[in-house]
Amino acid sequence: MPQATVGALITRHRDQCSEVLLTRRNIEPFKGHWCLPGGHIDPNERAADAIRREVKEETGIDFSGRFMGWFEEIFPERKIHNIVLAFEGGAAGEENALASPVEVAEMRWFSLAEAAALPLAFTHSEIVRRYMSKQDGD
């Protein structure tokens, strides 16, 4: 049965370049891969509340995002079937690498082009590419 999850495409603009915050997973599945902050929606939790909670837990920052779309994550070999509700937006506060040391090994800002070129966990590359295409006016 599919699980409901959320993912945050957190952006900032620095030196005329759009950047996105990625975290490196410290747990399976996809341990060691970069990904967007996010996770599972708890029972009886609204998606908007889940994305704020997950971002705060994983990065230590406050996220205010807008819904940008849904994505399917189907990896039978890993027994994963998720429906991801992706949110885009900015963040307030300073990121804290120790916010979630069990789940997150490190976090870093990447240019959108760098992020799109990485083999991101789950379907997060697809989320980054869709965001980039919206920025280009497609």
N, C-alpha and C. Protein backbone atom coordinates (compact mmCIF):
# COMPACT_ATOMS: atom_id res chain seq x y z
N MET A 1 0.85 -1.18 0.00
CA MET A 1 0.00 0.00 0.00
C MET A 1 0.89 1.24 0.00
N PRO A 2 0.60 2.23 -0.84
CA PRO A 2 1.42 3.45 -0.89
C PRO A 2 1.40 4.22 0.43
N GLN A 3 2.53 4.84 0.72
CA GLN A 3 2.67 5.68 1.90
C GLN A 3 2.67 7.15 1.44
N ALA A 4 2.10 8.02 2.25
CA ALA A 4 2.10 9.46 1.95
C ALA A 4 3.33 10.09 2.58
N THR A 5 4.10 10.83 1.76
CA THR A 5 5.30 11.51 2.24
C THR A 5 5.31 12.95 1.73
N VAL A 6 6.24 13.73 2.28
CA VAL A 6 6.42 15.12 1.85
C VAL A 6 7.89 15.36 1.56
N GLY A 7 8.15 16.30 0.66
CA GLY A 7 9.51 16.70 0.33
C GLY A 7 9.57 18.20 0.15
N ALA A 8 10.66 18.82 0.61
CA ALA A 8 10.80 20.27 0.56
C ALA A 8 11.93 20.68 -0.37
N LEU A 9 11.59 21.46 -1.37
CA LEU A 9 12.58 22.07 -2.24
C LEU A 9 12.79 23.48 -1.69
N ILE A 10 13.81 23.61 -0.83
CA ILE A 10 14.09 24.86 -0.13
C ILE A 10 15.11 25.64 -0.94
N THR A 11 14.76 26.84 -1.33
CA THR A 11 15.64 27.62 -2.20
C THR A 11 16.06 28.93 -1.54
N ARG A 12 17.19 29.42 -2.05
CA ARG A 12 17.65 30.76 -1.71
C ARG A 12 18.39 31.29 -2.93
N HIS A 13 18.56 32.58 -2.98
CA HIS A 13 19.27 33.22 -4.10
C HIS A 13 20.54 33.86 -3.56
N ARG A 14 21.67 33.47 -4.12
CA ARG A 14 22.96 34.00 -3.69
C ARG A 14 23.82 34.24 -4.91
N ASP A 15 24.38 35.44 -5.03
CA ASP A 15 25.26 35.79 -6.15
C ASP A 15 24.61 35.49 -7.50
N GLN A 16 23.38 35.94 -7.70
CA GLN A 16 22.60 35.73 -8.93
C GLN A 16 22.42 34.26 -9.29
N CYS A 17 22.46 33.39 -8.28
CA CYS A 17 22.32 31.96 -8.52
C CYS A 17 21.27 31.42 -7.56
N SER A 18 20.36 30.59 -8.07
CA SER A 18 19.39 29.92 -7.21
C SER A 18 20.04 28.66 -6.65
N GLU A 19 19.90 28.49 -5.34
CA GLU A 19 20.45 27.32 -4.67
C GLU A 19 19.35 26.55 -3.97
N VAL A 20 19.59 25.26 -3.78
CA VAL A 20 18.65 24.38 -3.10
C VAL A 20 19.39 23.66 -1.97
N LEU A 21 18.71 23.49 -0.84
CA LEU A 21 19.30 22.81 0.32
C LEU A 21 19.05 21.31 0.20
N LEU A 22 20.13 20.54 0.23
CA LEU A 22 20.02 19.08 0.21
C LEU A 22 20.63 18.51 1.48
N THR A 23 20.12 17.35 1.87
CA THR A 23 20.67 16.62 3.01
C THR A 23 21.19 15.28 2.51
N ARG A 24 22.28 14.81 3.14
CA ARG A 24 22.82 13.48 2.80
C ARG A 24 22.25 12.50 3.82
N ARG A 25 21.61 11.45 3.30
CA ARG A 25 20.95 10.47 4.16
C ARG A 25 21.97 9.66 4.97
N ASN A 26 21.65 9.46 6.23
CA ASN A 26 22.49 8.68 7.13
C ASN A 26 21.84 7.34 7.46
N ILE A 27 20.69 7.05 6.81
CA ILE A 27 19.95 5.82 7.06
C ILE A 27 19.49 5.23 5.73
N GLU A 28 19.17 3.96 5.75
CA GLU A 28 18.56 3.32 4.58
C GLU A 28 17.08 3.69 4.55
N PRO A 29 16.46 3.69 3.42
CA PRO A 29 17.02 3.41 2.10
C PRO A 29 17.80 4.61 1.56
N PHE A 30 18.65 4.33 0.59
CA PHE A 30 19.46 5.35 -0.08
C PHE A 30 20.47 6.01 0.86
N LYS A 31 21.00 5.27 1.81
CA LYS A 31 22.01 5.81 2.72
C LYS A 31 23.18 6.35 1.90
N GLY A 32 23.64 7.55 2.26
CA GLY A 32 24.76 8.18 1.57
C GLY A 32 24.37 9.05 0.39
N HIS A 33 23.13 8.96 -0.06
CA HIS A 33 22.66 9.79 -1.18
C HIS A 33 22.16 11.14 -0.67
N TRP A 34 22.29 12.15 -1.52
CA TRP A 34 21.72 13.46 -1.25
C TRP A 34 20.22 13.40 -1.57
N CYS A 35 19.44 14.19 -0.85
CA CYS A 35 17.99 14.24 -1.08
C CYS A 35 17.43 15.55 -0.57
N LEU A 36 16.17 15.78 -0.88
CA LEU A 36 15.44 16.91 -0.33
C LEU A 36 15.01 16.57 1.09
N PRO A 37 14.99 17.52 2.00
CA PRO A 37 14.46 17.24 3.33
C PRO A 37 12.98 16.82 3.23
N GLY A 38 12.58 15.94 4.10
CA GLY A 38 11.19 15.49 4.11
C GLY A 38 11.05 14.15 4.77
N GLY A 39 9.87 13.56 4.64
CA GLY A 39 9.64 12.26 5.25
C GLY A 39 8.16 11.91 5.25
N HIS A 40 7.83 10.94 6.07
CA HIS A 40 6.46 10.41 6.12
C HIS A 40 5.52 11.36 6.86
N ILE A 41 4.29 11.37 6.40
CA ILE A 41 3.22 12.10 7.08
C ILE A 41 2.69 11.21 8.19
N ASP A 42 2.63 11.75 9.40
CA ASP A 42 2.12 10.99 10.54
C ASP A 42 0.61 10.83 10.44
N PRO A 43 0.05 9.81 11.10
CA PRO A 43 -1.41 9.65 11.11
C PRO A 43 -2.09 10.92 11.62
N ASN A 44 -3.16 11.32 10.94
CA ASN A 44 -3.96 12.49 11.30
C ASN A 44 -3.19 13.82 11.21
N GLU A 45 -2.09 13.85 10.46
CA GLU A 45 -1.30 15.07 10.30
C GLU A 45 -1.56 15.65 8.92
N ARG A 46 -1.74 16.94 8.84
CA ARG A 46 -1.89 17.62 7.55
C ARG A 46 -0.54 17.67 6.86
N ALA A 47 -0.56 17.59 5.54
CA ALA A 47 0.69 17.61 4.76
C ALA A 47 1.50 18.88 5.03
N ALA A 48 0.83 20.03 5.11
CA ALA A 48 1.52 21.30 5.36
C ALA A 48 2.21 21.29 6.72
N ASP A 49 1.58 20.64 7.71
CA ASP A 49 2.21 20.53 9.03
C ASP A 49 3.37 19.54 8.98
N ALA A 50 3.20 18.47 8.22
CA ALA A 50 4.26 17.45 8.12
C ALA A 50 5.52 18.02 7.48
N ILE A 51 5.38 18.83 6.45
CA ILE A 51 6.58 19.36 5.80
C ILE A 51 7.29 20.34 6.71
N ARG A 52 6.56 21.16 7.44
CA ARG A 52 7.21 22.07 8.40
C ARG A 52 7.94 21.28 9.48
N ARG A 53 7.28 20.23 10.00
CA ARG A 53 7.88 19.41 11.06
C ARG A 53 9.13 18.70 10.55
N GLU A 54 9.04 18.06 9.39
CA GLU A 54 10.17 17.31 8.85
C GLU A 54 11.37 18.22 8.58
N VAL A 55 11.12 19.37 7.98
CA VAL A 55 12.22 20.29 7.69
C VAL A 55 12.87 20.76 8.99
N LYS A 56 12.07 21.10 9.98
CA LYS A 56 12.61 21.54 11.27
C LYS A 56 13.43 20.43 11.91
N GLU A 57 12.89 19.19 11.91
CA GLU A 57 13.61 18.07 12.52
C GLU A 57 14.93 17.79 11.81
N GLU A 58 14.93 17.85 10.49
CA GLU A 58 16.12 17.45 9.73
C GLU A 58 17.14 18.56 9.54
N THR A 59 16.70 19.82 9.53
CA THR A 59 17.62 20.90 9.21
C THR A 59 17.73 21.97 10.30
N GLY A 60 16.76 22.02 11.20
CA GLY A 60 16.75 23.05 12.23
C GLY A 60 16.19 24.38 11.77
N ILE A 61 15.71 24.47 10.52
CA ILE A 61 15.20 25.74 10.01
C ILE A 61 13.68 25.71 9.89
N ASP A 62 13.10 26.89 9.82
CA ASP A 62 11.65 27.03 9.65
C ASP A 62 11.36 27.20 8.17
N PHE A 63 10.47 26.38 7.65
CA PHE A 63 10.16 26.36 6.22
C PHE A 63 8.75 26.84 5.99
N SER A 64 8.60 27.74 5.03
CA SER A 64 7.26 28.13 4.61
C SER A 64 7.18 27.84 3.11
N GLY A 65 6.42 26.83 2.77
CA GLY A 65 6.39 26.39 1.39
C GLY A 65 5.02 26.38 0.77
N ARG A 66 5.02 26.33 -0.55
CA ARG A 66 3.80 26.21 -1.35
C ARG A 66 3.81 24.85 -2.02
N PHE A 67 2.65 24.25 -2.13
CA PHE A 67 2.53 22.96 -2.80
C PHE A 67 2.92 23.11 -4.26
N MET A 68 3.80 22.25 -4.76
CA MET A 68 4.22 22.34 -6.16
C MET A 68 3.80 21.14 -7.00
N GLY A 69 3.41 20.03 -6.36
CA GLY A 69 2.97 18.88 -7.13
C GLY A 69 3.21 17.58 -6.39
N TRP A 70 2.70 16.51 -6.97
CA TRP A 70 2.87 15.19 -6.37
C TRP A 70 3.69 14.32 -7.31
N PHE A 71 4.38 13.37 -6.73
CA PHE A 71 5.28 12.48 -7.46
C PHE A 71 5.13 11.08 -6.91
N GLU A 72 5.33 10.09 -7.78
CA GLU A 72 5.28 8.70 -7.33
C GLU A 72 6.70 8.17 -7.17
N GLU A 73 6.91 7.43 -6.10
CA GLU A 73 8.17 6.75 -5.86
C GLU A 73 7.87 5.27 -5.76
N ILE A 74 8.26 4.52 -6.78
CA ILE A 74 8.01 3.08 -6.79
C ILE A 74 9.34 2.37 -7.03
N PHE A 75 9.82 1.70 -5.99
CA PHE A 75 11.06 0.93 -6.04
C PHE A 75 10.78 -0.46 -5.47
N PRO A 76 10.25 -1.38 -6.31
CA PRO A 76 9.88 -2.70 -5.80
C PRO A 76 11.04 -3.42 -5.11
N GLU A 77 12.25 -3.25 -5.64
CA GLU A 77 13.41 -3.94 -5.06
C GLU A 77 13.70 -3.46 -3.64
N ARG A 78 13.23 -2.28 -3.28
CA ARG A 78 13.42 -1.73 -1.94
C ARG A 78 12.11 -1.75 -1.13
N LYS A 79 11.06 -2.31 -1.73
CA LYS A 79 9.74 -2.36 -1.11
C LYS A 79 9.23 -0.96 -0.75
N ILE A 80 9.42 -0.03 -1.69
CA ILE A 80 8.98 1.36 -1.50
C ILE A 80 7.92 1.70 -2.53
N HIS A 81 6.81 2.23 -2.05
CA HIS A 81 5.78 2.82 -2.90
C HIS A 81 5.23 4.02 -2.14
N ASN A 82 5.71 5.20 -2.50
CA ASN A 82 5.31 6.44 -1.84
C ASN A 82 4.64 7.38 -2.83
N ILE A 83 3.74 8.17 -2.32
CA ILE A 83 3.21 9.32 -3.03
C ILE A 83 3.78 10.54 -2.30
N VAL A 84 4.61 11.29 -3.01
CA VAL A 84 5.31 12.44 -2.41
C VAL A 84 4.59 13.72 -2.76
N LEU A 85 4.25 14.49 -1.74
CA LEU A 85 3.69 15.82 -1.92
C LEU A 85 4.86 16.79 -1.77
N ALA A 86 5.24 17.43 -2.88
CA ALA A 86 6.40 18.31 -2.88
C ALA A 86 5.99 19.76 -2.65
N PHE A 87 6.77 20.44 -1.84
CA PHE A 87 6.56 21.84 -1.51
C PHE A 87 7.81 22.62 -1.88
N GLU A 88 7.64 23.84 -2.35
CA GLU A 88 8.77 24.71 -2.68
C GLU A 88 8.65 25.99 -1.88
N GLY A 89 9.79 26.57 -1.53
CA GLY A 89 9.76 27.84 -0.82
C GLY A 89 11.06 28.14 -0.13
N GLY A 90 11.05 29.22 0.65
CA GLY A 90 12.23 29.66 1.36
C GLY A 90 12.21 29.19 2.80
N ALA A 91 13.27 29.55 3.51
CA ALA A 91 13.41 29.12 4.89
C ALA A 91 13.91 30.27 5.74
N ALA A 92 13.66 30.18 7.03
CA ALA A 92 14.13 31.19 7.98
C ALA A 92 14.99 30.51 9.03
N GLY A 93 16.00 31.23 9.49
CA GLY A 93 16.89 30.69 10.51
C GLY A 93 18.11 30.06 9.89
N GLU A 94 18.96 29.55 10.75
CA GLU A 94 20.21 28.93 10.30
C GLU A 94 20.06 27.42 10.31
N GLU A 95 20.59 26.79 9.25
CA GLU A 95 20.55 25.34 9.23
C GLU A 95 21.48 24.79 10.31
N ASN A 96 21.10 23.66 10.87
CA ASN A 96 21.83 23.05 11.98
C ASN A 96 22.13 21.61 11.62
N ALA A 97 23.38 21.32 11.34
CA ALA A 97 23.77 19.98 10.92
C ALA A 97 23.50 18.94 11.99
N LEU A 98 23.34 19.35 13.23
CA LEU A 98 23.09 18.39 14.31
C LEU A 98 21.61 18.25 14.61
N ALA A 99 20.75 18.86 13.80
CA ALA A 99 19.31 18.81 14.05
C ALA A 99 18.81 17.37 14.09
N SER A 100 19.28 16.55 13.17
CA SER A 100 18.84 15.16 13.10
C SER A 100 20.01 14.26 12.71
N PRO A 101 20.98 14.06 13.63
CA PRO A 101 22.18 13.30 13.27
C PRO A 101 21.91 11.83 12.93
N VAL A 102 20.80 11.29 13.40
CA VAL A 102 20.48 9.90 13.07
C VAL A 102 20.10 9.80 11.60
N GLU A 103 19.28 10.72 11.12
CA GLU A 103 18.79 10.67 9.74
C GLU A 103 19.69 11.39 8.74
N VAL A 104 20.31 12.48 9.17
CA VAL A 104 21.05 13.36 8.25
C VAL A 104 22.53 13.35 8.58
N ALA A 105 23.36 12.93 7.62
CA ALA A 105 24.80 12.93 7.82
C ALA A 105 25.39 14.32 7.64
N GLU A 106 24.87 15.08 6.69
CA GLU A 106 25.31 16.46 6.44
C GLU A 106 24.28 17.15 5.57
N MET A 107 24.40 18.47 5.47
CA MET A 107 23.54 19.23 4.58
C MET A 107 24.38 20.30 3.90
N ARG A 108 23.93 20.68 2.70
CA ARG A 108 24.70 21.65 1.94
C ARG A 108 23.81 22.31 0.90
N TRP A 109 24.13 23.57 0.58
CA TRP A 109 23.45 24.28 -0.49
C TRP A 109 24.14 23.96 -1.81
N PHE A 110 23.35 23.66 -2.84
CA PHE A 110 23.85 23.37 -4.18
C PHE A 110 23.15 24.31 -5.16
N SER A 111 23.84 24.66 -6.24
CA SER A 111 23.14 25.37 -7.30
C SER A 111 22.10 24.40 -7.86
N LEU A 112 21.06 24.92 -8.48
CA LEU A 112 20.05 24.04 -9.06
C LEU A 112 20.67 23.09 -10.09
N ALA A 113 21.60 23.60 -10.89
CA ALA A 113 22.25 22.76 -11.91
C ALA A 113 23.04 21.64 -11.25
N GLU A 114 23.76 21.95 -10.16
CA GLU A 114 24.51 20.90 -9.45
C GLU A 114 23.57 19.85 -8.89
N ALA A 115 22.48 20.30 -8.28
CA ALA A 115 21.51 19.37 -7.68
C ALA A 115 20.89 18.48 -8.75
N ALA A 116 20.57 19.07 -9.90
CA ALA A 116 19.95 18.29 -10.98
C ALA A 116 20.90 17.25 -11.54
N ALA A 117 22.20 17.48 -11.43
CA ALA A 117 23.19 16.54 -11.97
C ALA A 117 23.52 15.41 -11.00
N LEU A 118 23.14 15.55 -9.75
CA LEU A 118 23.42 14.50 -8.75
C LEU A 118 22.43 13.34 -8.87
N PRO A 119 22.87 12.13 -8.52
CA PRO A 119 21.93 11.01 -8.44
C PRO A 119 21.21 11.05 -7.09
N LEU A 120 20.19 11.89 -6.99
CA LEU A 120 19.48 12.09 -5.72
C LEU A 120 18.67 10.85 -5.34
N ALA A 121 18.42 10.71 -4.05
CA ALA A 121 17.62 9.60 -3.54
C ALA A 121 16.17 9.73 -4.01
N PHE A 122 15.48 8.61 -3.99
CA PHE A 122 14.06 8.54 -4.33
C PHE A 122 13.83 9.16 -5.71
N THR A 123 12.79 9.99 -5.88
CA THR A 123 12.54 10.67 -7.16
C THR A 123 12.85 12.15 -7.05
N HIS A 124 13.76 12.49 -6.16
CA HIS A 124 14.02 13.90 -5.90
C HIS A 124 14.67 14.62 -7.08
N SER A 125 15.37 13.90 -7.95
CA SER A 125 15.91 14.53 -9.17
C SER A 125 14.76 15.03 -10.04
N GLU A 126 13.71 14.26 -10.12
CA GLU A 126 12.53 14.65 -10.90
C GLU A 126 11.90 15.91 -10.33
N ILE A 127 11.84 16.02 -9.01
CA ILE A 127 11.27 17.21 -8.36
C ILE A 127 12.12 18.44 -8.69
N VAL A 128 13.44 18.31 -8.60
CA VAL A 128 14.34 19.42 -8.92
C VAL A 128 14.19 19.83 -10.38
N ARG A 129 14.13 18.85 -11.28
CA ARG A 129 13.99 19.17 -12.71
C ARG A 129 12.67 19.88 -13.00
N ARG A 130 11.57 19.44 -12.36
CA ARG A 130 10.29 20.11 -12.58
C ARG A 130 10.35 21.55 -12.08
N TYR A 131 10.96 21.75 -10.93
CA TYR A 131 11.10 23.11 -10.41
C TYR A 131 11.91 23.97 -11.37
N MET A 132 13.00 23.44 -11.89
CA MET A 132 13.85 24.19 -12.84
C MET A 132 13.08 24.53 -14.11
N SER A 133 12.26 23.61 -14.59
CA SER A 133 11.50 23.88 -15.81
C SER A 133 10.46 24.99 -15.58
N LYS A 134 9.90 25.05 -14.37
CA LYS A 134 8.96 26.13 -14.04
C LYS A 134 9.68 27.47 -13.99
N GLN A 135 10.93 27.46 -13.53
CA GLN A 135 11.71 28.69 -13.45
C GLN A 135 12.08 29.20 -14.84
N ASP A 136 12.23 28.25 -15.78
CA ASP A 136 12.56 28.61 -17.16
C ASP A 136 11.32 29.02 -17.97
N GLY A 137 10.13 28.91 -17.35
CA GLY A 137 8.91 29.34 -18.01
C GLY A 137 8.21 28.30 -18.83
N ASP A 138 8.58 27.02 -18.66
CA ASP A 138 7.92 25.94 -19.42
C ASP A 138 6.54 25.68 -18.88
